[in-house]
Amino acid sequence: MTESHVTVEGLGIIPVSFTDQGQGPAVLLLHGGGGPQTVAAFGERLAAEHGVRVIAPTHPGFGGTPRPDTLTTVSGLARLYAALLAELDLTDVTVVGNSVGGWVAAEMATGDCSRIGRFVIVDGVGIEVPGHPIADFFSLTPRQVAEHAYHDPDRFGIDPTRLSPEALQAMAANRAALAAYAGTSMSDPGLAGRLAGVTMPAVVVWGESDRIADPDYGRALAAAIPGARFELLPRTGHLPQLESPDLLLETIRTFTTQQR
């Protein structure tokens, strides 16, 4: 794990921790509300099997990291990671974001993309889609979260009764950080309108069994981004990088190869 102190206009100096592995074209890998562990193994495979350099930050406040009082929005995270790319002097970056990380990626697409080449949004949230609400994550029990998030909840769900007090405390801290950034609705009424101005190549990837945000929500998100493709992954829920990593790896490989 590496830590950098990044200056973000209007937010001050923000410490951000990230893993940095592999060599080759850069990929910024953004986790969702489950925390950095939900993308850790996938990032290792992406770096090892695809010849890329994977930068995977921990959103401040997750994983026991500090969150400055000035950093309270998803758009703030987007500005932080744009500044991190500049700090690392990276160009032609592929931004891959899952869930709330997908929302961060979408926000990045509406801003300064001078160091970014393309976006992969994986079961991302953030927009409002009439008739297709995002599940109220904060009202769900752990079992209900698993049933909403996975095609196979018995295999991938977490039983909190088997976790240590430290792990339970970390989960609670992650939920608090998620609420601070995304609110309980996990959406921004103005995001879809801003996405209409995006000019970067993008693919929106969705699990067909996602019940956090259903596939029609994903289709609406893709439709909000000019030129974006929509890819549906079978037997997959809200976290393809855990449930169907081979399918997601191939989708990213194909998309990035076509765009380079």
Protein backbone atom coordinates (compact mmCIF):
# COMPACT_ATOMS: atom_id res chain seq x y z
CA MET A 1 0.00 0.00 0.00
CA THR A 2 1.28 3.45 -0.98
CA GLU A 3 0.10 6.75 0.45
CA SER A 4 0.16 10.07 -1.34
CA HIS A 5 -0.92 13.52 -0.20
CA VAL A 6 -2.84 15.10 -3.03
CA THR A 7 -3.77 18.75 -3.27
CA VAL A 8 -7.33 19.27 -4.53
CA GLU A 9 -8.55 22.79 -5.16
CA GLY A 10 -11.20 23.71 -2.63
CA LEU A 11 -10.62 20.57 -0.57
CA GLY A 12 -7.04 21.04 0.59
CA ILE A 13 -4.41 18.34 0.95
CA ILE A 14 -5.99 14.90 1.12
CA PRO A 15 -4.15 11.69 2.04
CA VAL A 16 -5.05 8.78 -0.22
CA SER A 17 -3.84 5.20 0.07
CA PHE A 18 -3.61 2.95 -2.97
CA THR A 19 -2.06 -0.22 -4.28
CA ASP A 20 0.14 0.04 -7.36
CA GLN A 21 0.93 -3.19 -9.20
CA GLY A 22 1.91 -4.34 -12.65
CA GLN A 23 3.47 -2.57 -15.61
CA GLY A 24 2.02 -1.19 -18.81
CA PRO A 25 -0.93 1.07 -19.66
CA ALA A 26 -2.52 2.47 -16.51
CA VAL A 27 -5.86 1.39 -15.05
CA LEU A 28 -7.52 3.25 -12.18
CA LEU A 29 -9.67 0.69 -10.32
CA LEU A 30 -12.37 2.16 -8.04
CA HIS A 31 -14.15 0.07 -5.42
CA GLY A 32 -17.74 0.31 -4.24
CA GLY A 33 -19.39 0.41 -0.83
CA GLY A 34 -18.06 -2.98 0.18
CA GLY A 35 -14.58 -1.51 0.44
CA PRO A 36 -11.21 -2.08 -1.23
CA GLN A 37 -11.24 -5.82 -0.60
CA THR A 38 -14.02 -6.18 -3.18
CA VAL A 39 -11.58 -5.30 -5.99
CA ALA A 40 -8.26 -6.47 -4.51
CA ALA A 41 -8.07 -9.95 -6.06
CA PHE A 42 -9.50 -8.70 -9.35
CA GLY A 43 -6.89 -5.95 -9.53
CA GLU A 44 -4.13 -8.51 -9.03
CA ARG A 45 -5.47 -10.63 -11.89
CA LEU A 46 -5.96 -7.60 -14.13
CA ALA A 47 -2.34 -6.56 -13.63
CA ALA A 48 -0.91 -10.07 -13.99
CA GLU A 49 -2.96 -11.29 -16.95
CA HIS A 50 -3.47 -8.15 -19.03
CA GLY A 51 -0.08 -6.42 -18.89
CA VAL A 52 -1.36 -3.25 -17.25
CA ARG A 53 -0.46 -1.11 -14.26
CA VAL A 54 -3.36 -1.11 -11.81
CA ILE A 55 -3.79 1.78 -9.37
CA ALA A 56 -6.48 0.85 -6.82
CA PRO A 57 -7.14 3.58 -4.24
CA THR A 58 -9.06 3.20 -1.00
CA HIS A 59 -11.71 5.90 -0.78
CA PRO A 60 -10.80 7.97 2.31
CA GLY A 61 -12.85 6.72 5.24
CA PHE A 62 -12.89 3.11 4.01
CA GLY A 63 -10.56 0.39 5.23
CA GLY A 64 -9.63 2.30 8.38
CA THR A 65 -8.27 5.30 6.46
CA PRO A 66 -9.04 8.90 7.54
CA ARG A 67 -11.61 11.01 5.71
CA PRO A 68 -11.03 14.77 5.90
CA ASP A 69 -14.07 16.83 6.86
CA THR A 70 -13.80 18.65 3.52
CA LEU A 71 -14.36 15.44 1.54
CA THR A 72 -18.07 14.60 1.66
CA THR A 73 -19.25 13.98 -1.91
CA VAL A 74 -18.76 11.64 -4.83
CA SER A 75 -17.79 14.62 -6.98
CA GLY A 76 -15.08 15.37 -4.41
CA LEU A 77 -13.75 11.83 -4.84
CA ALA A 78 -13.77 12.31 -8.61
CA ARG A 79 -11.70 15.48 -8.25
CA LEU A 80 -9.35 13.70 -5.84
CA TYR A 81 -8.64 10.90 -8.31
CA ALA A 82 -8.20 13.30 -11.22
CA ALA A 83 -5.57 15.04 -9.08
CA LEU A 84 -4.00 11.66 -8.21
CA LEU A 85 -3.59 10.84 -11.90
CA ALA A 86 -1.80 14.16 -12.34
CA GLU A 87 0.34 13.52 -9.25
CA LEU A 88 1.41 10.16 -10.71
CA ASP A 89 1.82 11.71 -14.20
CA LEU A 90 -0.36 9.07 -15.82
CA THR A 91 -1.97 9.45 -19.24
CA ASP A 92 -4.41 7.47 -21.40
CA VAL A 93 -5.79 5.88 -18.22
CA THR A 94 -8.62 3.36 -18.29
CA VAL A 95 -10.94 4.12 -15.36
CA VAL A 96 -12.83 1.07 -14.05
CA GLY A 97 -15.38 1.63 -11.28
CA ASN A 98 -17.87 -0.70 -9.57
CA SER A 99 -21.05 0.43 -7.81
CA VAL A 100 -20.27 3.71 -6.05
CA GLY A 101 -16.87 3.48 -7.75
CA GLY A 102 -18.80 3.50 -11.00
CA TRP A 103 -20.51 6.69 -9.87
CA VAL A 104 -17.09 8.20 -9.17
CA ALA A 105 -15.99 7.15 -12.66
CA ALA A 106 -19.09 8.77 -14.18
CA GLU A 107 -18.36 12.00 -12.31
CA MET A 108 -14.77 11.89 -13.57
CA ALA A 109 -16.12 11.57 -17.13
CA THR A 110 -17.96 14.89 -16.73
CA GLY A 111 -14.78 16.72 -15.67
CA ASP A 112 -11.18 17.06 -16.82
CA CYS A 113 -10.42 13.93 -18.86
CA SER A 114 -7.07 15.06 -20.24
CA ARG A 115 -5.31 12.10 -18.57
CA ILE A 116 -8.07 9.55 -19.24
CA GLY A 117 -8.62 7.43 -22.33
CA ARG A 118 -11.81 5.49 -21.57
CA PHE A 119 -14.28 4.43 -18.88
CA VAL A 120 -15.62 1.06 -17.76
CA ILE A 121 -18.61 1.50 -15.43
CA VAL A 122 -19.53 -1.76 -13.70
CA ASP A 123 -22.99 -1.85 -12.08
CA GLY A 124 -22.58 1.83 -11.25
CA VAL A 125 -25.09 3.91 -9.34
CA GLY A 126 -25.57 7.68 -9.25
CA ILE A 127 -28.38 8.60 -11.64
CA GLU A 128 -32.13 8.55 -11.00
CA VAL A 129 -34.18 6.23 -13.23
CA PRO A 130 -37.97 6.47 -12.84
CA GLY A 131 -39.46 3.06 -12.08
CA HIS A 132 -36.09 1.55 -11.30
CA PRO A 133 -35.00 2.75 -7.86
CA ILE A 134 -31.69 1.79 -6.31
CA ALA A 135 -32.21 -0.60 -3.41
CA ASP A 136 -32.17 1.04 0.03
CA PHE A 137 -28.89 -0.56 1.02
CA PHE A 138 -28.91 0.94 4.51
CA SER A 139 -32.25 -0.64 5.43
CA LEU A 140 -31.24 -4.16 4.38
CA THR A 141 -29.95 -6.92 6.63
CA PRO A 142 -26.65 -8.55 5.62
CA ARG A 143 -28.59 -11.51 4.20
CA GLN A 144 -30.84 -9.18 2.20
CA VAL A 145 -27.78 -7.32 0.90
CA ALA A 146 -26.37 -10.64 -0.34
CA GLU A 147 -29.68 -11.56 -2.00
CA HIS A 148 -29.74 -8.21 -3.78
CA ALA A 149 -26.05 -8.16 -4.69
CA TYR A 150 -25.28 -11.70 -5.88
CA HIS A 151 -26.65 -14.21 -8.35
CA ASP A 152 -25.50 -16.86 -5.84
CA PRO A 153 -25.89 -15.27 -2.38
CA ASP A 154 -25.18 -18.51 -0.54
CA ARG A 155 -21.72 -18.67 -2.07
CA PHE A 156 -20.69 -15.02 -1.91
CA GLY A 157 -22.69 -13.49 0.94
CA ILE A 158 -21.08 -12.64 4.29
CA ASP A 159 -22.40 -14.03 7.57
CA PRO A 160 -21.72 -11.32 10.18
CA THR A 161 -22.00 -13.85 13.02
CA ARG A 162 -18.76 -15.40 11.75
CA LEU A 163 -16.83 -12.12 11.71
CA SER A 164 -14.49 -10.82 14.38
CA PRO A 165 -15.36 -7.66 16.35
CA GLU A 166 -12.64 -5.86 14.40
CA ALA A 167 -14.16 -6.90 11.06
CA LEU A 168 -17.62 -5.80 12.20
CA GLN A 169 -16.20 -2.45 13.25
CA ALA A 170 -14.54 -2.04 9.85
CA MET A 171 -17.82 -2.84 8.08
CA ALA A 172 -19.62 -0.22 10.18
CA ALA A 173 -16.95 2.37 9.33
CA ASN A 174 -17.27 1.56 5.63
CA ARG A 175 -21.05 2.02 5.80
CA ALA A 176 -20.58 5.38 7.51
CA ALA A 177 -18.15 6.52 4.81
CA LEU A 178 -20.53 5.33 2.09
CA ALA A 179 -23.38 7.32 3.65
CA ALA A 180 -21.18 10.42 3.87
CA TYR A 181 -20.36 10.30 0.16
CA ALA A 182 -23.49 8.89 -1.44
CA GLY A 183 -26.31 9.58 1.02
CA THR A 184 -28.99 6.98 1.59
CA SER A 185 -30.42 7.40 -1.93
CA MET A 186 -27.05 6.80 -3.62
CA SER A 187 -28.03 9.13 -6.46
CA ASP A 188 -27.63 12.69 -7.74
CA PRO A 189 -30.60 14.17 -9.64
CA GLY A 190 -28.28 16.26 -11.82
CA LEU A 191 -25.82 13.54 -12.87
CA ALA A 192 -27.71 12.25 -15.91
CA GLY A 193 -27.86 15.73 -17.39
CA ARG A 194 -24.12 16.23 -16.92
CA LEU A 195 -23.38 12.87 -18.53
CA ALA A 196 -24.96 14.16 -21.76
CA GLY A 197 -21.79 16.17 -22.32
CA VAL A 198 -19.37 13.22 -22.00
CA THR A 199 -17.16 12.71 -25.05
CA MET A 200 -14.96 9.84 -23.86
CA PRO A 201 -15.45 6.19 -24.92
CA ALA A 202 -17.37 4.23 -22.29
CA VAL A 203 -18.84 0.81 -21.72
CA VAL A 204 -21.44 0.09 -19.04
CA VAL A 205 -21.21 -3.50 -17.77
CA TRP A 206 -24.04 -5.05 -15.76
CA GLY A 207 -24.88 -8.28 -13.99
CA GLU A 208 -28.19 -9.69 -15.18
CA SER A 209 -29.07 -10.70 -11.60
CA ASP A 210 -28.25 -7.34 -10.00
CA ARG A 211 -31.05 -6.30 -7.64
CA ILE A 212 -29.19 -3.36 -6.08
CA ALA A 213 -29.75 -1.60 -9.42
CA ASP A 214 -31.46 -3.72 -12.04
CA PRO A 215 -30.34 -4.16 -15.67
CA ASP A 216 -32.86 -1.61 -16.95
CA TYR A 217 -31.21 0.90 -14.63
CA GLY A 218 -27.91 -0.02 -16.25
CA ARG A 219 -29.37 0.43 -19.73
CA ALA A 220 -30.58 3.89 -18.72
CA LEU A 221 -27.12 4.76 -17.42
CA ALA A 222 -25.55 3.67 -20.71
CA ALA A 223 -28.15 5.66 -22.66
CA ALA A 224 -27.26 8.79 -20.66
CA ILE A 225 -23.64 8.65 -21.91
CA PRO A 226 -23.31 9.50 -25.60
CA GLY A 227 -21.96 6.54 -27.55
CA ALA A 228 -21.68 4.22 -24.54
CA ARG A 229 -22.09 0.49 -25.06
CA PHE A 230 -24.05 -1.75 -22.69
CA GLU A 231 -22.83 -5.25 -21.85
CA LEU A 232 -24.91 -7.73 -19.79
CA LEU A 233 -23.11 -10.50 -17.92
CA PRO A 234 -25.07 -13.74 -17.29
CA ARG A 235 -25.40 -15.37 -13.84
CA THR A 236 -23.89 -12.29 -12.26
CA GLY A 237 -25.05 -9.75 -9.69
CA HIS A 238 -23.84 -6.35 -8.52
CA LEU A 239 -20.17 -7.29 -8.11
CA PRO A 240 -18.98 -9.03 -11.30
CA GLN A 241 -15.35 -8.73 -10.22
CA LEU A 242 -16.13 -11.21 -7.43
CA GLU A 243 -18.79 -13.38 -9.02
CA SER A 244 -17.76 -13.49 -12.70
CA PRO A 245 -14.19 -12.17 -12.87
CA ASP A 246 -13.36 -14.06 -16.09
CA LEU A 247 -16.29 -12.45 -17.92
CA LEU A 248 -15.40 -8.99 -16.64
CA LEU A 249 -11.71 -9.38 -17.49
CA GLU A 250 -12.59 -10.36 -21.05
CA THR A 251 -15.04 -7.45 -21.38
CA ILE A 252 -12.39 -4.97 -20.23
CA ARG A 253 -9.74 -6.53 -22.47
CA THR A 254 -11.95 -6.38 -25.55
CA PHE A 255 -13.09 -2.81 -24.89
CA THR A 256 -9.64 -1.41 -24.17
CA THR A 257 -8.13 -3.19 -27.18
CA GLN A 258 -10.78 -1.70 -29.47
CA GLN A 259 -10.28 1.80 -28.05
CA ARG A 260 -6.47 1.93 -28.20
